[in-house]
PDB file of all heavy atoms in Angstrom:
ATOM      1  N   ALA A   1      12.330  40.255  -3.592  1.00  0.00           N
ATOM      2  CA  ALA A   1      12.238  38.813  -3.846  1.00  0.00           C
ATOM      3  C   ALA A   1      11.775  38.082  -2.587  1.00  0.00           C
ATOM      4  O   ALA A   1      10.979  37.129  -2.655  1.00  0.00           O
ATOM      5  CB  ALA A   1      13.595  38.281  -4.303  1.00  0.00           C
ATOM      6  N   SER A   2      12.239  38.555  -1.415  1.00  0.00           N
ATOM      7  CA  SER A   2      11.835  37.939  -0.140  1.00  0.00           C
ATOM      8  C   SER A   2      10.344  38.133   0.121  1.00  0.00           C
ATOM      9  O   SER A   2       9.675  37.252   0.669  1.00  0.00           O
ATOM     10  CB  SER A   2      12.642  38.544   1.017  1.00  0.00           C
ATOM     11  OG  SER A   2      14.021  38.228   0.888  1.00  0.00           O
ATOM     12  N   ASP A   3       9.822  39.305  -0.284  1.00  0.00           N
ATOM     13  CA  ASP A   3       8.382  39.552  -0.129  1.00  0.00           C
ATOM     14  C   ASP A   3       7.578  38.551  -0.957  1.00  0.00           C
ATOM     15  O   ASP A   3       6.527  38.064  -0.517  1.00  0.00           O
ATOM     16  CB  ASP A   3       8.047  40.975  -0.572  1.00  0.00           C
ATOM     17  CG  ASP A   3       8.595  42.031   0.380  1.00  0.00           C
ATOM     18  OD1 ASP A   3       8.869  41.687   1.548  1.00  0.00           O
ATOM     19  OD2 ASP A   3       8.748  43.190  -0.049  1.00  0.00           O
ATOM     20  N   ILE A   4       8.070  38.264  -2.166  1.00  0.00           N
ATOM     21  CA  ILE A   4       7.386  37.284  -3.021  1.00  0.00           C
ATOM     22  C   ILE A   4       7.466  35.894  -2.398  1.00  0.00           C
ATOM     23  O   ILE A   4       6.471  35.153  -2.350  1.00  0.00           O
ATOM     24  CB  ILE A   4       8.007  37.281  -4.442  1.00  0.00           C
ATOM     25  CG1 ILE A   4       7.756  38.631  -5.129  1.00  0.00           C
ATOM     26  CG2 ILE A   4       7.410  36.145  -5.281  1.00  0.00           C
ATOM     27  CD1 ILE A   4       8.481  38.803  -6.452  1.00  0.00           C
ATOM     28  N   ILE A   5       8.642  35.532  -1.874  1.00  0.00           N
ATOM     29  CA  ILE A   5       8.825  34.218  -1.242  1.00  0.00           C
ATOM     30  C   ILE A   5       7.910  34.093  -0.021  1.00  0.00           C
ATOM     31  O   ILE A   5       7.286  33.047   0.210  1.00  0.00           O
ATOM     32  CB  ILE A   5      10.308  34.009  -0.848  1.00  0.00           C
ATOM     33  CG1 ILE A   5      11.174  33.883  -2.112  1.00  0.00           C
ATOM     34  CG2 ILE A   5      10.461  32.763   0.029  1.00  0.00           C
ATOM     35  CD1 ILE A   5      12.663  33.951  -1.837  1.00  0.00           C
ATOM     36  N   ALA A   6       7.791  35.177   0.773  1.00  0.00           N
ATOM     37  CA  ALA A   6       6.910  35.161   1.958  1.00  0.00           C
ATOM     38  C   ALA A   6       5.471  34.879   1.542  1.00  0.00           C
ATOM     39  O   ALA A   6       4.745  34.133   2.214  1.00  0.00           O
ATOM     40  CB  ALA A   6       7.005  36.495   2.692  1.00  0.00           C
ATOM     41  N   GLU A   7       5.063  35.464   0.419  1.00  0.00           N
ATOM     42  CA  GLU A   7       3.702  35.229  -0.064  1.00  0.00           C
ATOM     43  C   GLU A   7       3.532  33.789  -0.547  1.00  0.00           C
ATOM     44  O   GLU A   7       2.490  33.166  -0.328  1.00  0.00           O
ATOM     45  CB  GLU A   7       3.364  36.209  -1.179  1.00  0.00           C
ATOM     46  CG  GLU A   7       1.881  36.199  -1.540  1.00  0.00           C
ATOM     47  CD  GLU A   7       1.494  37.347  -2.443  1.00  0.00           C
ATOM     48  OE1 GLU A   7       1.156  38.425  -1.910  1.00  0.00           O
ATOM     49  OE2 GLU A   7       1.533  37.162  -3.675  1.00  0.00           O
ATOM     50  N   TRP A   8       4.554  33.250  -1.208  1.00  0.00           N
ATOM     51  CA  TRP A   8       4.481  31.844  -1.640  1.00  0.00           C
ATOM     52  C   TRP A   8       4.307  30.918  -0.440  1.00  0.00           C
ATOM     53  O   TRP A   8       3.537  29.964  -0.470  1.00  0.00           O
ATOM     54  CB  TRP A   8       5.753  31.457  -2.408  1.00  0.00           C
ATOM     55  CG  TRP A   8       5.845  32.024  -3.793  1.00  0.00           C
ATOM     56  CD1 TRP A   8       4.833  32.503  -4.545  1.00  0.00           C
ATOM     57  CD2 TRP A   8       7.044  32.165  -4.578  1.00  0.00           C
ATOM     58  NE1 TRP A   8       5.301  32.937  -5.767  1.00  0.00           N
ATOM     59  CE2 TRP A   8       6.652  32.735  -5.822  1.00  0.00           C
ATOM     60  CE3 TRP A   8       8.387  31.871  -4.372  1.00  0.00           C
ATOM     61  CZ2 TRP A   8       7.569  33.007  -6.841  1.00  0.00           C
ATOM     62  CZ3 TRP A   8       9.305  32.139  -5.375  1.00  0.00           C
ATOM     63  CH2 TRP A   8       8.904  32.702  -6.603  1.00  0.00           C
ATOM     64  N   ILE A   9       5.070  31.211   0.619  1.00  0.00           N
ATOM     65  CA  ILE A   9       4.977  30.379   1.832  1.00  0.00           C
ATOM     66  C   ILE A   9       3.576  30.472   2.427  1.00  0.00           C
ATOM     67  O   ILE A   9       2.980  29.476   2.831  1.00  0.00           O
ATOM     68  CB  ILE A   9       6.042  30.824   2.863  1.00  0.00           C
ATOM     69  CG1 ILE A   9       7.452  30.524   2.327  1.00  0.00           C
ATOM     70  CG2 ILE A   9       5.819  30.124   4.209  1.00  0.00           C
ATOM     71  CD1 ILE A   9       8.564  31.204   3.117  1.00  0.00           C
ATOM     72  N   ASN A  10       3.038  31.691   2.438  1.00  0.00           N
ATOM     73  CA  ASN A  10       1.682  31.908   2.951  1.00  0.00           C
ATOM     74  C   ASN A  10       0.649  31.131   2.143  1.00  0.00           C
ATOM     75  O   ASN A  10      -0.357  30.667   2.680  1.00  0.00           O
ATOM     76  CB  ASN A  10       1.366  33.405   2.914  1.00  0.00           C
ATOM     77  CG  ASN A  10      -0.044  33.720   3.378  1.00  0.00           C
ATOM     78  OD1 ASN A  10      -0.452  33.322   4.464  1.00  0.00           O
ATOM     79  ND2 ASN A  10      -0.791  34.424   2.544  1.00  0.00           N
ATOM     80  N   GLU A  11       0.897  30.970   0.842  1.00  0.00           N
ATOM     81  CA  GLU A  11      -0.068  30.298  -0.038  1.00  0.00           C
ATOM     82  C   GLU A  11       0.186  28.794  -0.160  1.00  0.00           C
ATOM     83  O   GLU A  11      -0.561  28.095  -0.850  1.00  0.00           O
ATOM     84  CB  GLU A  11      -0.009  30.943  -1.431  1.00  0.00           C
ATOM     85  CG  GLU A  11      -0.505  32.381  -1.436  1.00  0.00           C
ATOM     86  CD  GLU A  11      -0.186  33.113  -2.732  1.00  0.00           C
ATOM     87  OE1 GLU A  11       0.524  32.517  -3.589  1.00  0.00           O
ATOM     88  OE2 GLU A  11      -0.622  34.256  -2.894  1.00  0.00           O
ATOM     89  N   ASN A  12       1.209  28.305   0.524  1.00  0.00           N
ATOM     90  CA  ASN A  12       1.540  26.880   0.473  1.00  0.00           C
ATOM     91  C   ASN A  12       0.447  26.070   1.192  1.00  0.00           C
ATOM     92  O   ASN A  12       0.239  26.214   2.398  1.00  0.00           O
ATOM     93  CB  ASN A  12       2.900  26.651   1.141  1.00  0.00           C
ATOM     94  CG  ASN A  12       3.361  25.203   1.062  1.00  0.00           C
ATOM     95  OD1 ASN A  12       2.694  24.300   1.545  1.00  0.00           O
ATOM     96  ND2 ASN A  12       4.522  25.011   0.460  1.00  0.00           N
ATOM     97  N   MET A  13      -0.265  25.222   0.446  1.00  0.00           N
ATOM     98  CA  MET A  13      -1.406  24.480   0.994  1.00  0.00           C
ATOM     99  C   MET A  13      -1.012  23.624   2.191  1.00  0.00           C
ATOM    100  O   MET A  13      -1.707  23.583   3.206  1.00  0.00           O
ATOM    101  CB  MET A  13      -2.028  23.594  -0.089  1.00  0.00           C
ATOM    102  CG  MET A  13      -2.800  24.346  -1.146  1.00  0.00           C
ATOM    103  SD  MET A  13      -4.485  24.723  -0.626  1.00  0.00           S
ATOM    104  CE  MET A  13      -5.217  23.099  -0.611  1.00  0.00           C
ATOM    105  N   TYR A  14       0.113  22.926   2.083  1.00  0.00           N
ATOM    106  CA  TYR A  14       0.534  22.024   3.156  1.00  0.00           C
ATOM    107  C   TYR A  14       0.870  22.817   4.418  1.00  0.00           C
ATOM    108  O   TYR A  14       0.470  22.448   5.532  1.00  0.00           O
ATOM    109  CB  TYR A  14       1.734  21.193   2.708  1.00  0.00           C
ATOM    110  CG  TYR A  14       2.271  20.297   3.801  1.00  0.00           C
ATOM    111  CD1 TYR A  14       1.564  19.159   4.203  1.00  0.00           C
ATOM    112  CD2 TYR A  14       3.463  20.610   4.459  1.00  0.00           C
ATOM    113  CE1 TYR A  14       2.045  18.346   5.230  1.00  0.00           C
ATOM    114  CE2 TYR A  14       3.941  19.804   5.477  1.00  0.00           C
ATOM    115  CZ  TYR A  14       3.232  18.679   5.863  1.00  0.00           C
ATOM    116  OH  TYR A  14       3.705  17.883   6.874  1.00  0.00           O
ATOM    117  N   VAL A  15       1.594  23.905   4.241  1.00  0.00           N
ATOM    118  CA  VAL A  15       1.973  24.735   5.391  1.00  0.00           C
ATOM    119  C   VAL A  15       0.727  25.301   6.078  1.00  0.00           C
ATOM    120  O   VAL A  15       0.581  25.234   7.299  1.00  0.00           O
ATOM    121  CB  VAL A  15       2.913  25.881   4.945  1.00  0.00           C
ATOM    122  CG1 VAL A  15       3.060  26.929   6.055  1.00  0.00           C
ATOM    123  CG2 VAL A  15       4.275  25.331   4.564  1.00  0.00           C
ATOM    124  N   ARG A  16      -0.200  25.839   5.285  1.00  0.00           N
ATOM    125  CA  ARG A  16      -1.420  26.428   5.872  1.00  0.00           C
ATOM    126  C   ARG A  16      -2.249  25.377   6.596  1.00  0.00           C
ATOM    127  O   ARG A  16      -2.725  25.608   7.713  1.00  0.00           O
ATOM    128  CB  ARG A  16      -2.268  27.088   4.783  1.00  0.00           C
ATOM    129  CG  ARG A  16      -1.721  28.391   4.264  1.00  0.00           C
ATOM    130  CD  ARG A  16      -2.689  29.064   3.308  1.00  0.00           C
ATOM    131  NE  ARG A  16      -3.773  29.727   3.998  1.00  0.00           N
ATOM    132  CZ  ARG A  16      -3.721  30.959   4.503  1.00  0.00           C
ATOM    133  NH1 ARG A  16      -2.614  31.668   4.393  1.00  0.00           N
ATOM    134  NH2 ARG A  16      -4.762  31.489   5.108  1.00  0.00           N
ATOM    135  N   LYS A  17      -2.433  24.218   5.969  1.00  0.00           N
ATOM    136  CA  LYS A  17      -3.234  23.157   6.603  1.00  0.00           C
ATOM    137  C   LYS A  17      -2.606  22.712   7.919  1.00  0.00           C
ATOM    138  O   LYS A  17      -3.292  22.527   8.927  1.00  0.00           O
ATOM    139  CB  LYS A  17      -3.365  21.962   5.666  1.00  0.00           C
ATOM    140  CG  LYS A  17      -4.495  22.072   4.662  1.00  0.00           C
ATOM    141  CD  LYS A  17      -4.664  20.762   3.914  1.00  0.00           C
ATOM    142  CE  LYS A  17      -5.866  20.803   2.983  1.00  0.00           C
ATOM    143  NZ  LYS A  17      -6.061  19.526   2.271  1.00  0.00           N
ATOM    144  N   SER A  18      -1.288  22.533   7.888  1.00  0.00           N
ATOM    145  CA  SER A  18      -0.597  22.033   9.088  1.00  0.00           C
ATOM    146  C   SER A  18      -0.650  23.053  10.216  1.00  0.00           C
ATOM    147  O   SER A  18      -0.921  22.706  11.378  1.00  0.00           O
ATOM    148  CB  SER A  18       0.862  21.695   8.749  1.00  0.00           C
ATOM    149  OG  SER A  18       0.912  20.709   7.734  1.00  0.00           O
ATOM    150  N   LEU A  19      -0.377  24.315   9.884  1.00  0.00           N
ATOM    151  CA  LEU A  19      -0.426  25.347  10.925  1.00  0.00           C
ATOM    152  C   LEU A  19      -1.855  25.571  11.415  1.00  0.00           C
ATOM    153  O   LEU A  19      -2.078  25.843  12.596  1.00  0.00           O
ATOM    154  CB  LEU A  19       0.154  26.659  10.394  1.00  0.00           C
ATOM    155  CG  LEU A  19       1.667  26.692  10.199  1.00  0.00           C
ATOM    156  CD1 LEU A  19       2.107  28.037   9.648  1.00  0.00           C
ATOM    157  CD2 LEU A  19       2.403  26.411  11.510  1.00  0.00           C
ATOM    158  N   ARG A  20      -2.804  25.434  10.512  1.00  0.00           N
ATOM    159  CA  ARG A  20      -4.218  25.573  10.912  1.00  0.00           C
ATOM    160  C   ARG A  20      -4.558  24.519  11.975  1.00  0.00           C
ATOM    161  O   ARG A  20      -5.227  24.816  12.974  1.00  0.00           O
ATOM    162  CB  ARG A  20      -5.119  25.412   9.695  1.00  0.00           C
ATOM    163  CG  ARG A  20      -6.597  25.597  10.007  1.00  0.00           C
ATOM    164  CD  ARG A  20      -7.447  25.492   8.757  1.00  0.00           C
ATOM    165  NE  ARG A  20      -7.302  26.652   7.889  1.00  0.00           N
ATOM    166  CZ  ARG A  20      -6.839  26.613   6.655  1.00  0.00           C
ATOM    167  NH1 ARG A  20      -6.475  25.459   6.114  1.00  0.00           N
ATOM    168  NH2 ARG A  20      -6.743  27.712   5.948  1.00  0.00           N
ATOM    169  N   ARG A  21      -4.103  23.292  11.750  1.00  0.00           N
ATOM    170  CA  ARG A  21      -4.347  22.222  12.741  1.00  0.00           C
ATOM    171  C   ARG A  21      -3.675  22.551  14.067  1.00  0.00           C
ATOM    172  O   ARG A  21      -4.217  22.275  15.137  1.00  0.00           O
ATOM    173  CB  ARG A  21      -3.856  20.875  12.205  1.00  0.00           C
ATOM    174  CG  ARG A  21      -4.810  20.222  11.216  1.00  0.00           C
ATOM    175  CD  ARG A  21      -4.482  18.752  11.019  1.00  0.00           C
ATOM    176  NE  ARG A  21      -3.179  18.561  10.401  1.00  0.00           N
ATOM    177  CZ  ARG A  21      -2.960  18.500   9.099  1.00  0.00           C
ATOM    178  NH1 ARG A  21      -3.978  18.617   8.262  1.00  0.00           N
ATOM    179  NH2 ARG A  21      -1.752  18.318   8.623  1.00  0.00           N
ATOM    180  N   LYS A  22      -2.458  23.140  13.994  1.00  0.00           N
ATOM    181  CA  LYS A  22      -1.758  23.504  15.229  1.00  0.00           C
ATOM    182  C   LYS A  22      -2.551  24.563  16.004  1.00  0.00           C
ATOM    183  O   LYS A  22      -2.654  24.497  17.231  1.00  0.00           O
ATOM    184  CB  LYS A  22      -0.345  24.029  14.908  1.00  0.00           C
ATOM    185  CG  LYS A  22       0.644  22.947  14.492  1.00  0.00           C
ATOM    186  CD  LYS A  22       2.013  23.546  14.229  1.00  0.00           C
ATOM    187  CE  LYS A  22       3.012  22.496  13.750  1.00  0.00           C
ATOM    188  NZ  LYS A  22       3.341  21.516  14.815  1.00  0.00           N
ATOM    189  N   PHE A  23      -3.104  25.539  15.295  1.00  0.00           N
ATOM    190  CA  PHE A  23      -3.913  26.558  15.964  1.00  0.00           C
ATOM    191  C   PHE A  23      -5.170  25.930  16.564  1.00  0.00           C
ATOM    192  O   PHE A  23      -5.597  26.291  17.657  1.00  0.00           O
ATOM    193  CB  PHE A  23      -4.299  27.661  14.971  1.00  0.00           C
ATOM    194  CG  PHE A  23      -3.321  28.800  14.921  1.00  0.00           C
ATOM    195  CD1 PHE A  23      -2.291  28.802  13.995  1.00  0.00           C
ATOM    196  CD2 PHE A  23      -3.416  29.860  15.801  1.00  0.00           C
ATOM    197  CE1 PHE A  23      -1.378  29.845  13.943  1.00  0.00           C
ATOM    198  CE2 PHE A  23      -2.510  30.916  15.762  1.00  0.00           C
ATOM    199  CZ  PHE A  23      -1.485  30.904  14.828  1.00  0.00           C
ATOM    200  N   GLN A  24      -5.763  24.976  15.839  1.00  0.00           N
ATOM    201  CA  GLN A  24      -6.983  24.331  16.332  1.00  0.00           C
ATOM    202  C   GLN A  24      -6.710  23.470  17.559  1.00  0.00           C
ATOM    203  O   GLN A  24      -7.511  23.431  18.490  1.00  0.00           O
ATOM    204  CB  GLN A  24      -7.599  23.475  15.221  1.00  0.00           C
ATOM    205  CG  GLN A  24      -8.204  24.283  14.084  1.00  0.00           C
ATOM    206  CD  GLN A  24      -8.548  23.438  12.869  1.00  0.00           C
ATOM    207  OE1 GLN A  24      -8.015  22.335  12.696  1.00  0.00           O
ATOM    208  NE2 GLN A  24      -9.417  23.939  12.013  1.00  0.00           N
ATOM    209  N   ARG A  25      -5.563  22.756  17.541  1.00  0.00           N
ATOM    210  CA  ARG A  25      -5.271  21.799  18.618  1.00  0.00           C
ATOM    211  C   ARG A  25      -4.436  22.382  19.749  1.00  0.00           C
ATOM    212  O   ARG A  25      -4.539  21.935  20.896  1.00  0.00           O
ATOM    213  CB  ARG A  25      -4.542  20.581  18.035  1.00  0.00           C
ATOM    214  CG  ARG A  25      -5.385  19.804  17.029  1.00  0.00           C
ATOM    215  CD  ARG A  25      -4.558  18.738  16.337  1.00  0.00           C
ATOM    216  NE  ARG A  25      -5.324  18.022  15.311  1.00  0.00           N
ATOM    217  CZ  ARG A  25      -4.820  17.110  14.497  1.00  0.00           C
ATOM    218  NH1 ARG A  25      -3.537  16.792  14.593  1.00  0.00           N
ATOM    219  NH2 ARG A  25      -5.578  16.518  13.598  1.00  0.00           N
ATOM    220  N   SER A  26      -3.583  23.346  19.427  1.00  0.00           N
ATOM    221  CA  SER A  26      -2.656  23.865  20.438  1.00  0.00           C
ATOM    222  C   SER A  26      -2.816  25.352  20.694  1.00  0.00           C
ATOM    223  O   SER A  26      -2.118  25.910  21.550  1.00  0.00           O
ATOM    224  CB  SER A  26      -1.198  23.596  20.005  1.00  0.00           C
ATOM    225  OG  SER A  26      -1.011  22.248  19.648  1.00  0.00           O
ATOM    226  N   GLY A  27      -3.693  26.009  19.946  1.00  0.00           N
ATOM    227  CA  GLY A  27      -3.864  27.444  20.115  1.00  0.00           C
ATOM    228  C   GLY A  27      -4.358  27.795  21.506  1.00  0.00           C
ATOM    229  O   GLY A  27      -5.194  27.096  22.083  1.00  0.00           O
ATOM    230  N   VAL A  28      -3.838  28.886  22.041  1.00  0.00           N
ATOM    231  CA  VAL A  28      -4.213  29.346  23.384  1.00  0.00           C
ATOM    232  C   VAL A  28      -4.742  30.766  23.276  1.00  0.00           C
ATOM    233  O   VAL A  28      -4.136  31.624  22.620  1.00  0.00           O
ATOM    234  CB  VAL A  28      -3.006  29.314  24.346  1.00  0.00           C
ATOM    235  CG1 VAL A  28      -3.344  29.996  25.670  1.00  0.00           C
ATOM    236  CG2 VAL A  28      -2.558  27.876  24.575  1.00  0.00           C
ATOM    237  N   ILE A  29      -5.901  31.005  23.889  1.00  0.00           N
ATOM    238  CA  ILE A  29      -6.417  32.371  23.962  1.00  0.00           C
ATOM    239  C   ILE A  29      -5.964  32.962  25.289  1.00  0.00           C
ATOM    240  O   ILE A  29      -6.179  32.383  26.359  1.00  0.00           O
ATOM    241  CB  ILE A  29      -7.960  32.409  23.820  1.00  0.00           C
ATOM    242  CG1 ILE A  29      -8.445  33.863  23.787  1.00  0.00           C
ATOM    243  CG2 ILE A  29      -8.675  31.610  24.902  1.00  0.00           C
ATOM    244  CD1 ILE A  29      -9.880  34.019  23.308  1.00  0.00           C
ATOM    245  N   SER A  30      -5.258  34.070  25.222  1.00  0.00           N
ATOM    246  CA  SER A  30      -4.722  34.701  26.433  1.00  0.00           C
ATOM    247  C   SER A  30      -5.220  36.138  26.505  1.00  0.00           C
ATOM    248  O   SER A  30      -5.381  36.811  25.476  1.00  0.00           O
ATOM    249  CB  SER A  30      -3.195  34.668  26.436  1.00  0.00           C
ATOM    250  OG  SER A  30      -2.677  35.196  25.233  1.00  0.00           O
ATOM    251  N   THR A  31      -5.482  36.609  27.710  1.00  0.00           N
ATOM    252  CA  THR A  31      -6.048  37.944  27.902  1.00  0.00           C
ATOM    253  C   THR A  31      -5.206  38.772  28.865  1.00  0.00           C
ATOM    254  O   THR A  31      -4.527  38.233  29.748  1.00  0.00           O
ATOM    255  CB  THR A  31      -7.482  37.858  28.457  1.00  0.00           C
ATOM    256  OG1 THR A  31      -7.426  37.332  29.795  1.00  0.00           O
ATOM    257  CG2 THR A  31      -8.348  36.951  27.606  1.00  0.00           C
ATOM    258  N   LYS A  32      -5.265  40.094  28.682  1.00  0.00           N
ATOM    259  CA  LYS A  32      -4.622  41.039  29.589  1.00  0.00           C
ATOM    260  C   LYS A  32      -5.567  42.217  29.805  1.00  0.00           C
ATOM    261  O   LYS A  32      -6.236  42.672  28.875  1.00  0.00           O
ATOM    262  CB  LYS A  32      -3.300  41.564  29.007  1.00  0.00           C
ATOM    263  CG  LYS A  32      -2.202  40.508  28.916  1.00  0.00           C
ATOM    264  CD  LYS A  32      -1.695  40.096  30.290  1.00  0.00           C
ATOM    265  CE  LYS A  32      -0.594  39.033  30.167  1.00  0.00           C
ATOM    266  NZ  LYS A  32      -0.206  38.514  31.510  1.00  0.00           N
ATOM    267  N   VAL A  33      -5.613  42.699  31.025  1.00  0.00           N
ATOM    268  CA  VAL A  33      -6.496  43.816  31.341  1.00  0.00           C
ATOM    269  C   VAL A  33      -5.947  45.111  30.745  1.00  0.00           C
ATOM    270  O   VAL A  33      -4.731  45.289  30.605  1.00  0.00           O
ATOM    271  CB  VAL A  33      -6.662  43.958  32.869  1.00  0.00           C
ATOM    272  CG1 VAL A  33      -5.347  44.402  33.521  1.00  0.00           C
ATOM    273  CG2 VAL A  33      -7.783  44.941  33.194  1.00  0.00           C
ATOM    274  N   VAL A  34      -6.856  46.000  30.354  1.00  0.00           N
ATOM    275  CA  VAL A  34      -6.479  47.353  29.945  1.00  0.00           C
ATOM    276  C   VAL A  34      -6.372  48.173  31.229  1.00  0.00           C
ATOM    277  O   VAL A  34      -7.390  48.454  31.884  1.00  0.00           O
ATOM    278  CB  VAL A  34      -7.532  47.956  28.984  1.00  0.00           C
ATOM    279  CG1 VAL A  34      -7.180  49.412  28.671  1.00  0.00           C
ATOM    280  CG2 VAL A  34      -7.610  47.136  27.705  1.00  0.00           C
ATOM    281  N   LYS A  35      -5.154  48.497  31.624  1.00  0.00           N
ATOM    282  CA  LYS A  35      -4.913  49.097  32.940  1.00  0.00           C
ATOM    283  C   LYS A  35      -5.732  50.361  33.171  1.00  0.00           C
ATOM    284  O   LYS A  35      -6.207  50.619  34.280  1.00  0.00           O
ATOM    285  CB  LYS A  35      -3.427  49.387  33.108  1.00  0.00           C
ATOM    286  CG  LYS A  35      -2.580  48.115  33.225  1.00  0.00           C
ATOM    287  CD  LYS A  35      -1.116  48.439  33.429  1.00  0.00           C
ATOM    288  CE  LYS A  35      -0.292  47.150  33.537  1.00  0.00           C
ATOM    289  NZ  LYS A  35       1.159  47.425  33.696  1.00  0.00           N
ATOM    290  N   ALA A  36      -5.917  51.144  32.134  1.00  0.00           N
ATOM    291  CA  ALA A  36      -6.630  52.415  32.287  1.00  0.00           C
ATOM    292  C   ALA A  36      -8.095  52.216  32.672  1.00  0.00           C
ATOM    293  O   ALA A  36      -8.727  53.121  33.224  1.00  0.00           O
ATOM    294  CB  ALA A  36      -6.541  53.211  30.988  1.00  0.00           C
ATOM    295  N   LYS A  37      -8.642  51.021  32.404  1.00  0.00           N
ATOM    296  CA  LYS A  37     -10.067  50.778  32.678  1.00  0.00           C
ATOM    297  C   LYS A  37     -10.280  49.748  33.789  1.00  0.00           C
ATOM    298  O   LYS A  37     -11.414  49.386  34.089  1.00  0.00           O
ATOM    299  CB  LYS A  37     -10.772  50.311  31.403  1.00  0.00           C
ATOM    300  CG  LYS A  37     -10.643  51.292  30.239  1.00  0.00           C
ATOM    301  CD  LYS A  37     -11.597  50.975  29.120  1.00  0.00           C
ATOM    302  CE  LYS A  37     -12.998  51.338  29.471  1.00  0.00           C
ATOM    303  NZ  LYS A  37     -13.947  51.247  28.353  1.00  0.00           N
ATOM    304  N   LYS A  38      -9.185  49.286  34.371  1.00  0.00           N
ATOM    305  CA  LYS A  38      -9.247  48.208  35.360  1.00  0.00           C
ATOM    306  C   LYS A  38     -10.125  48.525  36.554  1.00  0.00           C
ATOM    307  O   LYS A  38     -10.825  47.644  37.078  1.00  0.00           O
ATOM    308  CB  LYS A  38      -7.821  47.877  35.829  1.00  0.00           C
ATOM    309  CG  LYS A  38      -7.740  46.724  36.799  1.00  0.00           C
ATOM    310  CD  LYS A  38      -6.286  46.433  37.173  1.00  0.00           C
ATOM    311  CE  LYS A  38      -6.197  45.269  38.147  1.00  0.00           C
ATOM    312  NZ  LYS A  38      -4.780  44.974  38.506  1.00  0.00           N
ATOM    313  N   GLU A  39     -10.116  49.778  37.002  1.00  0.00           N
ATOM    314  CA  GLU A  39     -10.827  50.141  38.229  1.00  0.00           C
ATOM    315  C   GLU A  39     -12.282  50.549  37.984  1.00  0.00           C
ATOM    316  O   GLU A  39     -13.002  50.840  38.936  1.00  0.00           O
ATOM    317  CB  GLU A  39     -10.082  51.273  38.949  1.00  0.00           C
ATOM    318  CG  GLU A  39      -8.644  50.945  39.325  1.00  0.00           C
ATOM    319  CD  GLU A  39      -8.550  49.675  40.173  1.00  0.00           C
ATOM    320  OE1 GLU A  39      -9.444  49.457  41.018  1.00  0.00           O
ATOM    321  OE2 GLU A  39      -7.595  48.912  39.978  1.00  0.00           O
ATOM    322  N   GLU A  40     -12.693  50.601  36.737  1.00  0.00           N
ATOM    323  CA  GLU A  40     -14.083  50.975  36.463  1.00  0.00           C
ATOM    324  C   GLU A  40     -15.038  49.943  37.051  1.00  0.00           C
ATOM    325  O   GLU A  40     -14.745  48.747  37.058  1.00  0.00           O
ATOM    326  CB  GLU A  40     -14.312  51.105  34.951  1.00  0.00           C
ATOM    327  CG  GLU A  40     -13.624  52.311  34.337  1.00  0.00           C
ATOM    328  CD  GLU A  40     -13.996  52.492  32.868  1.00  0.00           C
ATOM    329  OE1 GLU A  40     -14.970  51.851  32.411  1.00  0.00           O
ATOM    330  OE2 GLU A  40     -13.313  53.273  32.174  1.00  0.00           O
ATOM    331  N   GLU A  41     -16.191  50.415  37.499  1.00  0.00           N
ATOM    332  CA  GLU A  41     -17.160  49.531  38.170  1.00  0.00           C
ATOM    333  C   GLU A  41     -17.600  48.376  37.273  1.00  0.00           C
ATOM    334  O   GLU A  41     -17.634  47.222  37.693  1.00  0.00           O
ATOM    335  CB  GLU A  41     -18.379  50.349  38.607  1.00  0.00           C
ATOM    336  CG  GLU A  41     -19.392  49.526  39.403  1.00  0.00           C
ATOM    337  CD  GLU A  41     -20.576  50.363  39.860  1.00  0.00           C
ATOM    338  OE1 GLU A  41     -20.477  51.611  39.830  1.00  0.00           O
ATOM    339  OE2 GLU A  41     -21.596  49.766  40.247  1.00  0.00           O
ATOM    340  N   ASN A  42     -17.930  48.676  36.037  1.00  0.00           N
ATOM    341  CA  ASN A  42     -18.406  47.631  35.117  1.00  0.00           C
ATOM    342  C   ASN A  42     -17.316  46.626  34.758  1.00  0.00           C
ATOM    343  O   ASN A  42     -17.615  45.519  34.311  1.00  0.00           O
ATOM    344  CB  ASN A  42     -18.963  48.263  33.838  1.00  0.00           C
ATOM    345  CG  ASN A  42     -20.295  48.933  34.075  1.00  0.00           C
ATOM    346  OD1 ASN A  42     -20.996  48.617  35.036  1.00  0.00           O
ATOM    347  ND2 ASN A  42     -20.650  49.876  33.222  1.00  0.00           N
ATOM    348  N   ALA A  43     -16.068  47.023  34.955  1.00  0.00           N
ATOM    349  CA  ALA A  43     -14.961  46.119  34.612  1.00  0.00           C
ATOM    350  C   ALA A  43     -14.894  44.928  35.565  1.00  0.00           C
ATOM    351  O   ALA A  43     -14.394  43.855  35.196  1.00  0.00           O
ATOM    352  CB  ALA A  43     -13.639  46.873  34.631  1.00  0.00           C
ATOM    353  N   GLN A  44     -15.416  45.104  36.766  1.00  0.00           N
ATOM    354  CA  GLN A  44     -15.262  44.066  37.788  1.00  0.00           C
ATOM    355  C   GLN A  44     -15.975  42.757  37.436  1.00  0.00           C
ATOM    356  O   GLN A  44     -15.573  41.687  37.868  1.00  0.00           O
ATOM    357  CB  GLN A  44     -15.756  44.586  39.147  1.00  0.00           C
ATOM    358  CG  GLN A  44     -14.987  45.788  39.655  1.00  0.00           C
ATOM    359  CD  GLN A  44     -13.481  45.615  39.559  1.00  0.00           C
ATOM    360  OE1 GLN A  44     -12.915  44.650  40.084  1.00  0.00           O
ATOM    361  NE2 GLN A  44     -12.816  46.534  38.874  1.00  0.00           N
ATOM    362  N   LYS A  45     -17.027  42.840  36.625  1.00  0.00           N
ATOM    363  CA  LYS A  45     -17.715  41.600  36.246  1.00  0.00           C
ATOM    364  C   LYS A  45     -16.859  40.745  35.318  1.00  0.00           C
ATOM    365  O   LYS A  45     -17.146  39.560  35.115  1.00  0.00           O
ATOM    366  CB  LYS A  45     -19.061  41.911  35.594  1.00  0.00           C
ATOM    367  CG  LYS A  45     -18.997  42.745  34.331  1.00  0.00           C
ATOM    368  CD  LYS A  45     -20.404  43.119  33.856  1.00  0.00           C
ATOM    369  CE  LYS A  45     -20.356  44.043  32.640  1.00  0.00           C
ATOM    370  NZ  LYS A  45     -21.686  44.475  32.206  1.00  0.00           N
TER     371      LYS A  45
END
């Protein structure tokens, strides 16, 4: 029943629109290096 409720929440127009605006206005793109490739020459650029 919780799985069905989770899907209803996902399909809620108001919730999706509001969260979409939050991602558009407050979303942050964050990056982290892949340690195994950090020292490669091409990685330095």
